[in-house]
């Protein structure tokens, strides 16, 4: 949502194509995923957080934003809300479980592992990587605009959304 507010054409979870791309990712079929990258400037939510290595290779000038929550427990509560909506098998692929009760540690470990792996991968590419804590709200605007090289210095775009 933040990238959309800055004028980027963004593919996010609300678009049905994202669900189809999740299935392609799970089956190792990158062709439809790569095809979609031709039509958008920015990507968020599943399957994109798990495709950064491939996207770095395909797009050497691309930048990557890791959006985090205030702390592990805040993220876990958010995942609980997602998982309690109903069973969805891709969650098991990405988070180790598609049912929340009894799997909290495994789900949390998947988040911690992902965060650590992404940070390590981009450790020698700091010019291509930004971490933001979505719970920090409006404080994220300046960092995001600076990172993207967006010429806008208008920070009156409204409240910073929970999705980048």
Foldseek 3Di string as FASTA:
>chain_A
DVVVLLPWFEDEDVDPVLVVVLVCVVVVNCVVVVVVVVPTLYYDDPPVLVCVVVVCVVPVPAADEAEAAPDLVVVLVVVQVVLVVDFDVSCCVQQVDSHNPPCSVSNSVSVVVSVVVVCVVCVVPVLRYYYDHLVVKLVVPVVVCVSVVPPDPDSVSDIRDSID
